[in-house]
Amino acid sequence: MSITLEIDIADDLIDVPRRIHAHGLAAGAAQLTVSTTYPDGSVWQSRADYHITADGTFNPEIACPQSGDWQEAGSMTPVEALRQVTPPHNPALTDSVLPRRITFRIEDARGAVAEAVLIQRFLAPGVTRRETREPSGVLFLPAAPGPHPLVIVLNGSGGGTPEQKAALLAAQGYIGFALAYFKAPGRPAHISNTPLEYFQQAIDWVAREVPIRANFVAVMGHSRGGELALLLAATFPERIAAVIGYVPSAVIHGTLRAGAPDEPRDATAWRWRGEPLRNIWQDNPYADWHAFDHPPQPDAPIRQAPAFINVERDAQRLADARIPVERIRGPVMLISGTDDGFWPSTAWCERIVADLKESRWPVIHLCHEGAGHAIGFPWVPTTNIANVHPVAGVRIDGGGTPSANARANRESWPQVLTFLTAAVAAHEGKA
C-alpha cells in the first residue's frame, strides 16, 4: 500500500489553519520533517518522531510526538516549531508578502515516503499592493469596491515597512497601510526626532487617494510602534477612531538602540510642533544602561527589561513622560506577554487600563501568560526567541517560550479582527 499525505487546504492565507493527515503507513516509528525557504533566503526545518499504530493512519491534530522539535499535538505545530538553519541572505525581504511554500515529508518504518506542500499567502485574491514614497509605505486595497475603513500599521524600533499585517488586514476588508517612519526608502535611517506631523500628513494623504469608510482610521503598532500608536491616538483624537498596541509602552522613551550612533540613548525620538517630547530617560538619575549592554554570559542575548523598570523609580520623570491616553476618543486594545524580555509590556498595559478606567470606550487587555515580545499573527515559526536588533546589531532576548508565543499568536489575532469589526460598527453608529 502506498502512503498518502494530505493537506485539507493546500493554498490559502497564512492566518488560515490547515489539517494534515496520512494514510497507508507501516506500524511502528515514523518521522515527520517540515522544511521551507523563505523569500529572504533563510532556510527553516523541523522534525519529530511519532509512533504509528496498526491502522496505518497519522493525524498530528491528536497525536503527540515521541521526540523532536515539538511536543504538542496540532497540525500546524510543526510550522510553529520551524527553526532557522540558514540565515537570510536578503534581509530586505524578511517582511515580504511573497508566498511561503512549506514541504511536509513523512517516512514510515519501512522507508516509504510521502510529501505534500502547503502554501501560505499574505495577499488575498484581488488585493492591490501599491508602494508609496511620500509618505513612505505600502498601501494594500481590498478586492471589493470601497469605501473601506483604514488601519495604519507601524513597526517598532527596527524600523522598516510592516507589509505582512497590512496585507492580511486588506484581506479582511480594510485599507491596510504599512507606514514606514524610519529605515525605509525616503525616510531617515534612525528613529531620532521623528515629527508626529508626518503621521497626520499620512492620514491626510490616504484620505485624498482613496475614500475612507465613515472616516474610520485605526492605528496598530508593535513595541515602539505600540508606544507611537497610543501617542498618535492621544495627539490626534479627532482623527484616530481606535488603537491596537502590541506589547506597547505606557511612557515615551528616547531613541535607545534605534537612534543615530553618535547620539546619547536618551535623545529625542518624537517631536510635535517643533518641540521634543520629553522622555523618561532624560536627566534621570536612575538611568542604568547595564542591562542594555552586558549579557549574563559572553555572547548571550541581552534581556533588557530590567533597565526599563529601574528608570521608573523617578516619579517626576515618569509623570512627565506618561502618554496621556485619557485623551483617546475610541476603543483601545492592548496585547502583552508576561515574560516580555524586551520591556515590561504587561505592567505598562495594566497601567494604561487603569488610566482609562473612566473611558466611555471599550478597553481590552489581552495578557498572554508566559509569552514574550514577539506576538503577531498565527501559524508562523516562534522559535527565534533571541534576535539581532536590525538597527543596534545586538542580540536581544525577547522572552517567552516557543509554545507560549505560538499560543499568543493563535489567540490574539482573531480577537484583533473582532475588535476592529466592533470598533468600525461603533464608529458608524455615532457618526
Protein backbone atom coordinates (compact mmCIF):
# COMPACT_ATOMS: atom_id res chain seq x y z
CA MET A 1 0.00 0.00 0.00
CA SER A 2 1.37 3.45 -0.90
CA ILE A 3 1.48 6.29 1.57
CA THR A 4 -0.66 9.38 1.06
CA LEU A 5 -0.06 12.67 2.87
CA GLU A 6 -2.89 15.17 2.54
CA ILE A 7 -3.43 18.81 3.48
CA ASP A 8 -7.07 19.88 3.59
CA ILE A 9 -6.37 23.47 2.40
CA ALA A 10 -3.15 23.39 0.45
CA ASP A 11 -3.08 27.04 -0.64
CA ASP A 12 -4.55 29.94 1.34
CA LEU A 13 -3.76 32.95 3.51
CA ILE A 14 -1.16 32.46 6.23
CA ASP A 15 -3.65 33.01 9.07
CA VAL A 16 -5.86 30.13 7.89
CA PRO A 17 -5.25 26.90 9.87
CA ARG A 18 -4.75 23.66 7.92
CA ARG A 19 -5.17 19.98 8.76
CA ILE A 20 -2.71 17.27 7.78
CA HIS A 21 -3.45 13.53 7.53
CA ALA A 22 -1.51 10.50 6.31
CA HIS A 23 -2.72 7.00 5.39
CA GLY A 24 -1.12 3.72 4.46
CA LEU A 25 1.79 3.94 6.88
CA ALA A 26 3.53 0.88 8.29
CA ALA A 27 3.06 0.35 12.02
CA GLY A 28 5.98 1.48 14.14
CA ALA A 29 8.25 4.52 14.05
CA ALA A 30 7.71 7.35 11.56
CA GLN A 31 9.37 10.70 11.14
CA LEU A 32 7.69 13.92 10.01
CA THR A 33 10.00 16.58 8.54
CA VAL A 34 8.89 20.09 7.64
CA SER A 35 11.07 22.47 5.62
CA THR A 36 10.86 25.77 3.78
CA THR A 37 12.99 28.51 2.25
CA TYR A 38 11.61 31.98 2.83
CA PRO A 39 11.76 34.79 0.26
CA ASP A 40 14.68 36.35 2.18
CA GLY A 41 16.71 33.17 1.56
CA SER A 42 16.58 31.82 5.11
CA VAL A 43 16.07 28.06 5.43
CA TRP A 44 13.84 26.60 8.13
CA GLN A 45 13.34 22.99 9.27
CA SER A 46 11.63 20.99 11.99
CA ARG A 47 11.20 17.28 12.61
CA ALA A 48 9.68 14.89 15.10
CA ASP A 49 9.25 11.13 15.59
CA TYR A 50 5.83 9.50 16.00
CA HIS A 51 4.53 6.03 16.70
CA ILE A 52 2.12 4.73 14.07
CA THR A 53 -0.50 2.24 15.18
CA ALA A 54 -1.74 -0.79 13.25
CA ASP A 55 -4.41 1.18 11.36
CA GLY A 56 -1.62 3.00 9.46
CA THR A 57 -3.06 6.48 9.89
CA PHE A 58 -1.34 9.63 11.12
CA ASN A 59 -3.16 12.70 12.46
CA PRO A 60 -0.91 15.29 14.14
CA GLU A 61 -4.02 17.10 15.33
CA ILE A 62 -4.39 14.44 18.03
CA ALA A 63 -1.04 12.62 18.09
CA CYS A 64 1.86 13.89 20.21
CA PRO A 65 5.43 13.18 19.08
CA GLN A 66 7.62 10.79 21.00
CA SER A 67 10.58 13.10 20.43
CA GLY A 68 11.63 16.00 18.25
CA ASP A 69 11.31 19.75 17.84
CA TRP A 70 7.79 19.98 19.25
CA GLN A 71 5.88 18.19 21.99
CA GLU A 72 2.27 19.24 21.50
CA ALA A 73 -0.39 17.88 19.17
CA GLY A 74 -1.55 20.14 16.35
CA SER A 75 -1.47 20.08 12.58
CA MET A 76 0.23 23.48 12.42
CA THR A 77 2.53 22.91 15.39
CA PRO A 78 5.31 21.64 13.07
CA VAL A 79 5.18 25.01 11.28
CA GLU A 80 5.34 26.94 14.57
CA ALA A 81 8.31 24.75 15.55
CA LEU A 82 10.34 25.53 12.41
CA ARG A 83 13.92 26.54 13.28
CA GLN A 84 16.13 28.74 11.17
CA VAL A 85 19.09 26.67 9.98
CA THR A 86 20.43 29.17 7.44
CA PRO A 87 20.23 32.96 7.97
CA PRO A 88 18.68 35.25 5.35
CA HIS A 89 20.91 36.48 2.55
CA ASN A 90 18.43 39.22 1.59
CA PRO A 91 17.12 40.73 4.87
CA ALA A 92 15.19 43.34 2.90
CA LEU A 93 12.67 40.59 2.11
CA THR A 94 12.17 39.47 5.71
CA ASP A 95 8.78 41.19 5.84
CA SER A 96 7.97 40.26 2.25
CA VAL A 97 4.41 39.40 1.23
CA LEU A 98 5.63 36.81 -1.27
CA PRO A 99 4.11 33.34 -0.67
CA ARG A 100 5.74 30.81 1.64
CA ARG A 101 5.97 27.25 0.33
CA ILE A 102 6.30 24.64 3.11
CA THR A 103 7.02 20.98 2.41
CA PHE A 104 5.77 18.21 4.71
CA ARG A 105 7.55 14.85 4.38
CA ILE A 106 6.73 11.66 6.28
CA GLU A 107 8.76 8.45 6.26
CA ASP A 108 7.46 5.26 7.88
CA ALA A 109 9.18 2.26 9.44
CA ARG A 110 9.73 0.50 6.11
CA GLY A 111 11.29 3.61 4.49
CA ALA A 112 8.27 4.56 2.39
CA VAL A 113 7.95 8.32 1.87
CA ALA A 114 5.16 10.76 1.05
CA GLU A 115 5.24 14.53 0.63
CA ALA A 116 2.73 17.38 0.49
CA VAL A 117 3.14 21.13 0.04
CA LEU A 118 1.39 23.85 2.00
CA ILE A 119 1.38 27.41 0.61
CA GLN A 120 0.88 30.37 2.92
CA ARG A 121 -0.07 33.69 1.29
CA PHE A 122 -0.35 37.24 2.53
CA LEU A 123 -2.15 38.67 -0.49
CA ALA A 124 -5.76 37.60 -0.90
CA PRO A 125 -7.08 37.35 -4.48
CA GLY A 126 -7.81 40.81 -5.84
CA VAL A 127 -5.93 42.74 -3.13
CA THR A 128 -3.90 45.57 -4.66
CA ARG A 129 -0.40 46.40 -3.42
CA ARG A 130 0.78 49.96 -4.03
CA GLU A 131 4.16 51.34 -2.95
CA THR A 132 4.27 54.96 -1.84
CA ARG A 133 7.18 57.35 -1.35
CA GLU A 134 5.69 60.39 0.40
CA PRO A 135 4.59 59.18 2.84
CA SER A 136 6.82 56.12 2.69
CA GLY A 137 4.99 52.82 2.88
CA VAL A 138 2.86 50.26 1.10
CA LEU A 139 -0.89 50.61 0.67
CA PHE A 140 -2.99 47.46 0.40
CA LEU A 141 -6.50 47.88 -1.02
CA PRO A 142 -9.21 45.21 -0.63
CA ALA A 143 -10.57 43.42 -3.66
CA ALA A 144 -14.17 44.54 -3.09
CA PRO A 145 -15.21 48.06 -4.06
CA GLY A 146 -14.95 50.64 -1.28
CA PRO A 147 -15.11 52.68 0.71
CA HIS A 148 -13.27 50.72 3.40
CA PRO A 149 -12.05 51.57 6.90
CA LEU A 150 -8.35 52.40 7.22
CA VAL A 151 -5.84 50.69 9.52
CA ILE A 152 -2.33 52.15 9.71
CA VAL A 153 0.30 49.59 10.74
CA LEU A 154 3.56 50.67 12.41
CA ASN A 155 6.77 48.77 13.10
CA GLY A 156 8.86 49.21 16.22
CA SER A 157 12.49 50.10 16.87
CA GLY A 158 13.70 48.02 13.93
CA GLY A 159 12.06 50.43 11.50
CA GLY A 160 11.08 49.35 8.01
CA THR A 161 7.70 48.71 6.47
CA PRO A 162 5.29 46.23 8.14
CA GLU A 163 3.71 44.85 4.98
CA GLN A 164 2.50 41.48 6.21
CA LYS A 165 -0.08 42.62 8.77
CA ALA A 166 -1.28 45.37 6.43
CA ALA A 167 -1.79 42.83 3.65
CA LEU A 168 -3.73 40.48 5.93
CA LEU A 169 -5.95 43.35 7.04
CA ALA A 170 -6.74 44.11 3.40
CA ALA A 171 -7.93 40.50 3.06
CA GLN A 172 -10.44 41.32 5.82
CA GLY A 173 -11.81 44.39 4.02
CA TYR A 174 -9.61 47.15 5.48
CA ILE A 175 -7.32 49.58 3.73
CA GLY A 176 -4.06 48.30 5.21
CA PHE A 177 -1.38 50.98 5.19
CA ALA A 178 2.07 49.72 6.17
CA LEU A 179 3.52 53.12 7.08
CA ALA A 180 7.28 53.45 7.44
CA TYR A 181 8.77 56.26 9.50
CA PHE A 182 12.48 55.36 9.52
CA LYS A 183 14.91 52.87 7.98
CA ALA A 184 12.88 52.82 4.76
CA PRO A 185 13.02 54.48 1.32
CA GLY A 186 12.82 58.23 1.61
CA ARG A 187 12.94 58.18 5.41
CA PRO A 188 15.75 58.78 7.92
CA ALA A 189 17.97 55.87 8.92
CA HIS A 190 17.11 56.27 12.60
CA ILE A 191 14.13 56.98 14.85
CA SER A 192 15.64 60.26 16.06
CA ASN A 193 13.45 63.38 16.05
CA THR A 194 10.50 61.82 14.24
CA PRO A 195 7.80 64.51 13.86
CA LEU A 196 4.25 63.47 14.72
CA GLU A 197 3.06 65.74 11.92
CA TYR A 198 4.38 63.12 9.47
CA PHE A 199 1.66 60.69 10.59
CA GLN A 200 -1.02 63.36 10.46
CA GLN A 201 0.04 64.10 6.89
CA ALA A 202 -0.02 60.37 6.08
CA ILE A 203 -3.68 60.14 7.14
CA ASP A 204 -4.48 63.17 5.01
CA TRP A 205 -2.67 61.62 2.05
CA VAL A 206 -4.65 58.38 2.22
CA ALA A 207 -7.91 60.33 2.51
CA ARG A 208 -7.04 62.15 -0.73
CA GLU A 209 -6.07 58.96 -2.55
CA VAL A 210 -8.90 56.59 -1.60
CA PRO A 211 -12.26 57.02 0.11
CA ILE A 212 -12.24 56.01 3.79
CA ARG A 213 -15.42 54.46 5.11
CA ALA A 214 -17.07 56.77 7.65
CA ASN A 215 -13.64 58.41 8.17
CA PHE A 216 -12.67 55.44 10.33
CA VAL A 217 -8.92 55.38 11.00
CA ALA A 218 -7.31 52.89 13.36
CA VAL A 219 -3.62 52.71 14.28
CA MET A 220 -1.89 49.40 15.03
CA GLY A 221 1.69 49.29 16.28
CA HIS A 222 4.17 46.82 17.74
CA SER A 223 6.65 47.66 20.54
CA ARG A 224 7.94 51.21 19.86
CA GLY A 225 5.19 51.23 17.22
CA GLY A 226 2.73 50.46 20.02
CA GLU A 227 4.08 53.38 22.02
CA LEU A 228 3.70 55.51 18.90
CA ALA A 229 0.16 54.26 18.18
CA LEU A 230 -1.02 55.29 21.65
CA LEU A 231 0.79 58.62 21.37
CA LEU A 232 -0.80 59.35 17.98
CA ALA A 233 -4.28 58.45 19.22
CA ALA A 234 -3.78 60.79 22.20
CA THR A 235 -2.37 63.60 19.99
CA PHE A 236 -4.94 63.32 17.19
CA PRO A 237 -8.09 62.08 18.96
CA GLU A 238 -10.32 63.71 16.35
CA ARG A 239 -8.67 61.68 13.57
CA ILE A 240 -8.00 58.26 15.11
CA ALA A 241 -11.02 56.14 15.99
CA ALA A 242 -9.33 53.09 17.51
CA VAL A 243 -5.87 51.93 18.57
CA ILE A 244 -4.23 48.50 18.89
CA GLY A 245 -0.98 48.33 20.83
CA TYR A 246 1.07 45.15 20.61
CA VAL A 247 3.45 45.00 23.61
CA PRO A 248 3.34 48.81 23.90
CA SER A 249 4.87 51.25 26.36
CA ALA A 250 2.88 53.50 28.67
CA VAL A 251 5.58 56.17 28.60
CA ILE A 252 7.66 58.00 25.99
CA HIS A 253 11.20 56.73 25.55
CA GLY A 254 14.32 58.15 23.99
CA THR A 255 15.96 56.81 20.88
CA LEU A 256 17.54 53.96 22.89
CA ARG A 257 19.01 51.44 20.45
CA ALA A 258 17.27 52.92 17.40
CA GLY A 259 18.98 56.30 17.37
CA ALA A 260 21.97 57.51 15.40
CA PRO A 261 25.31 56.09 16.57
CA ASP A 262 26.63 59.49 17.69
CA GLU A 263 23.54 60.28 19.81
CA PRO A 264 23.04 59.60 23.52
CA ARG A 265 20.38 56.95 24.13
CA ASP A 266 18.14 59.45 25.89
CA ALA A 267 17.99 61.61 22.76
CA THR A 268 14.58 62.67 21.44
CA ALA A 269 12.56 60.12 19.49
CA TRP A 270 9.33 62.10 18.93
CA ARG A 271 8.70 65.78 18.18
CA TRP A 272 5.44 67.70 17.99
CA ARG A 273 5.02 71.26 16.67
CA GLY A 274 8.78 71.60 16.51
CA GLU A 275 9.32 70.71 20.16
CA PRO A 276 10.85 67.50 21.52
CA LEU A 277 8.54 65.32 23.60
CA ARG A 278 10.19 64.66 26.92
CA ASN A 279 11.18 61.05 27.51
CA ILE A 280 11.66 59.20 30.75
CA TRP A 281 15.40 58.70 30.29
CA GLN A 282 16.36 62.36 30.04
CA ASP A 283 18.32 63.58 33.10
CA ASN A 284 17.08 60.55 35.01
CA PRO A 285 19.39 59.61 37.91
CA TYR A 286 18.11 56.03 37.76
CA ALA A 287 19.00 55.52 34.11
CA ASP A 288 21.21 52.44 34.12
CA TRP A 289 22.35 51.03 30.78
CA HIS A 290 23.98 47.93 32.25
CA ALA A 291 21.08 45.65 31.26
CA PHE A 292 21.32 47.01 27.72
CA ASP A 293 25.00 46.34 27.32
CA HIS A 294 26.03 43.36 29.43
CA PRO A 295 24.72 39.87 28.72
CA PRO A 296 24.77 37.44 31.67
CA GLN A 297 27.35 35.39 29.77
CA PRO A 298 29.65 36.28 26.86
CA ASP A 299 27.77 36.18 23.54
CA ALA A 300 24.47 35.53 25.34
CA PRO A 301 21.44 37.57 24.25
CA ILE A 302 20.57 40.61 26.30
CA ARG A 303 17.38 40.71 28.34
CA GLN A 304 16.93 44.46 28.76
CA ALA A 305 13.53 44.70 30.53
CA PRO A 306 15.12 45.40 33.98
CA ALA A 307 16.52 48.71 32.72
CA PHE A 308 13.01 49.93 31.86
CA ILE A 309 11.74 49.01 35.31
CA ASN A 310 14.61 50.73 37.10
CA VAL A 311 14.23 54.05 35.27
CA GLU A 312 10.65 54.45 36.52
CA ARG A 313 11.87 54.99 40.07
CA ASP A 314 11.99 58.71 39.27
CA ALA A 315 8.35 59.69 39.88
CA GLN A 316 8.58 63.14 38.32
CA ARG A 317 10.17 61.98 35.08
CA LEU A 318 7.72 59.10 34.96
CA ALA A 319 4.85 61.59 35.16
CA ASP A 320 6.44 63.91 32.57
CA ALA A 321 6.86 61.06 30.06
CA ARG A 322 3.47 59.40 30.56
CA ILE A 323 1.42 59.04 27.39
CA PRO A 324 -1.89 60.90 28.08
CA VAL A 325 -4.09 58.02 27.00
CA GLU A 326 -7.16 59.61 28.60
CA ARG A 327 -7.30 61.87 25.53
CA ILE A 328 -8.02 58.92 23.24
CA ARG A 329 -11.56 59.00 21.82
CA GLY A 330 -12.15 55.43 20.82
CA PRO A 331 -11.71 51.80 21.83
CA VAL A 332 -8.27 50.55 22.80
CA MET A 333 -6.86 47.02 22.55
CA LEU A 334 -3.60 46.16 24.31
CA ILE A 335 -1.68 42.91 23.82
CA SER A 336 1.16 41.81 26.10
CA GLY A 337 3.22 38.84 27.25
CA THR A 338 4.06 38.28 30.92
CA ASP A 339 7.61 37.15 30.07
CA ASP A 340 8.46 40.06 27.76
CA GLY A 341 12.25 40.26 27.79
CA PHE A 342 12.43 43.45 25.74
CA TRP A 343 10.49 45.65 28.16
CA PRO A 344 7.70 45.25 30.80
CA SER A 345 4.73 45.37 28.42
CA THR A 346 2.25 43.66 30.75
CA ALA A 347 2.85 46.12 33.60
CA TRP A 348 2.50 49.02 31.19
CA CYS A 349 -0.72 47.64 29.70
CA GLU A 350 -2.18 47.22 33.18
CA ARG A 351 -1.27 50.84 33.92
CA ILE A 352 -2.90 52.04 30.71
CA VAL A 353 -6.07 50.11 31.56
CA ALA A 354 -6.11 51.81 34.97
CA ASP A 355 -5.61 55.22 33.36
CA LEU A 356 -8.56 54.50 31.06
CA LYS A 357 -10.93 53.25 33.75
CA GLU A 358 -13.17 56.28 33.23
CA SER A 359 -13.15 55.93 29.44
CA ARG A 360 -16.51 55.67 27.73
CA TRP A 361 -14.98 53.38 25.11
CA PRO A 362 -14.04 49.71 25.49
CA VAL A 363 -10.53 48.99 26.75
CA ILE A 364 -9.30 45.42 26.26
CA HIS A 365 -6.05 43.93 27.51
CA LEU A 366 -5.08 40.53 26.13
CA CYS A 367 -2.46 39.34 28.61
CA HIS A 368 -0.71 36.15 27.49
CA GLU A 369 0.84 34.12 30.27
CA GLY A 370 4.43 33.09 29.58
CA ALA A 371 4.60 34.85 26.20
CA GLY A 372 7.32 37.28 25.19
CA HIS A 373 7.71 40.32 22.98
CA ALA A 374 7.12 38.74 19.56
CA ILE A 375 3.33 38.47 19.31
CA GLY A 376 1.69 38.74 15.91
CA PHE A 377 -0.44 36.62 13.59
CA PRO A 378 -0.66 32.80 13.78
CA TRP A 379 0.91 29.83 12.01
CA VAL A 380 4.44 31.19 11.84
CA PRO A 381 7.66 29.95 13.49
CA THR A 382 8.03 31.09 17.10
CA THR A 383 11.42 29.56 17.84
CA ASN A 384 13.58 32.66 17.33
CA ILE A 385 13.36 33.99 20.88
CA ALA A 386 16.61 35.97 20.64
CA ASN A 387 17.21 38.06 17.53
CA VAL A 388 19.77 40.56 16.33
CA HIS A 389 18.27 44.04 16.53
CA PRO A 390 18.19 45.40 12.95
CA VAL A 391 19.46 48.84 13.99
CA ALA A 392 21.63 48.19 17.07
CA GLY A 393 23.14 44.95 15.80
CA VAL A 394 23.00 43.22 19.21
CA ARG A 395 21.09 40.07 20.16
CA ILE A 396 18.09 40.78 22.37
CA ASP A 397 16.18 38.13 24.29
CA GLY A 398 12.51 38.78 23.56
CA GLY A 399 11.29 36.36 26.21
CA GLY A 400 8.63 33.69 26.27
CA THR A 401 8.79 30.13 25.02
CA PRO A 402 8.02 28.87 21.52
CA SER A 403 4.78 27.25 22.68
CA ALA A 404 3.62 30.28 24.73
CA ASN A 405 4.43 32.68 21.90
CA ALA A 406 2.60 30.45 19.40
CA ARG A 407 -0.43 30.33 21.67
CA ALA A 408 -0.41 34.13 21.98
CA ASN A 409 -0.36 34.44 18.18
CA ARG A 410 -3.24 31.99 17.77
CA GLU A 411 -5.40 33.58 20.44
CA SER A 412 -4.78 37.28 19.81
CA TRP A 413 -5.18 37.59 16.04
CA PRO A 414 -8.87 36.55 15.84
CA GLN A 415 -9.61 38.88 18.75
CA VAL A 416 -7.86 41.75 16.98
CA LEU A 417 -10.10 41.22 13.95
CA THR A 418 -13.20 41.02 16.17
CA PHE A 419 -12.13 44.23 17.94
CA LEU A 420 -11.76 46.07 14.63
CA THR A 421 -15.17 44.90 13.43
CA ALA A 422 -16.80 46.17 16.61
CA ALA A 423 -14.85 49.43 16.50
CA VAL A 424 -15.99 50.18 12.96
CA ALA A 425 -19.62 49.41 13.84
CA ALA A 426 -19.49 51.64 16.92
CA HIS A 427 -17.86 54.45 14.96
CA GLU A 428 -20.51 54.29 12.25
CA GLY A 429 -23.21 54.19 14.90
CA LYS A 430 -22.12 57.51 16.38
CA ALA A 431 -21.34 59.15 13.04
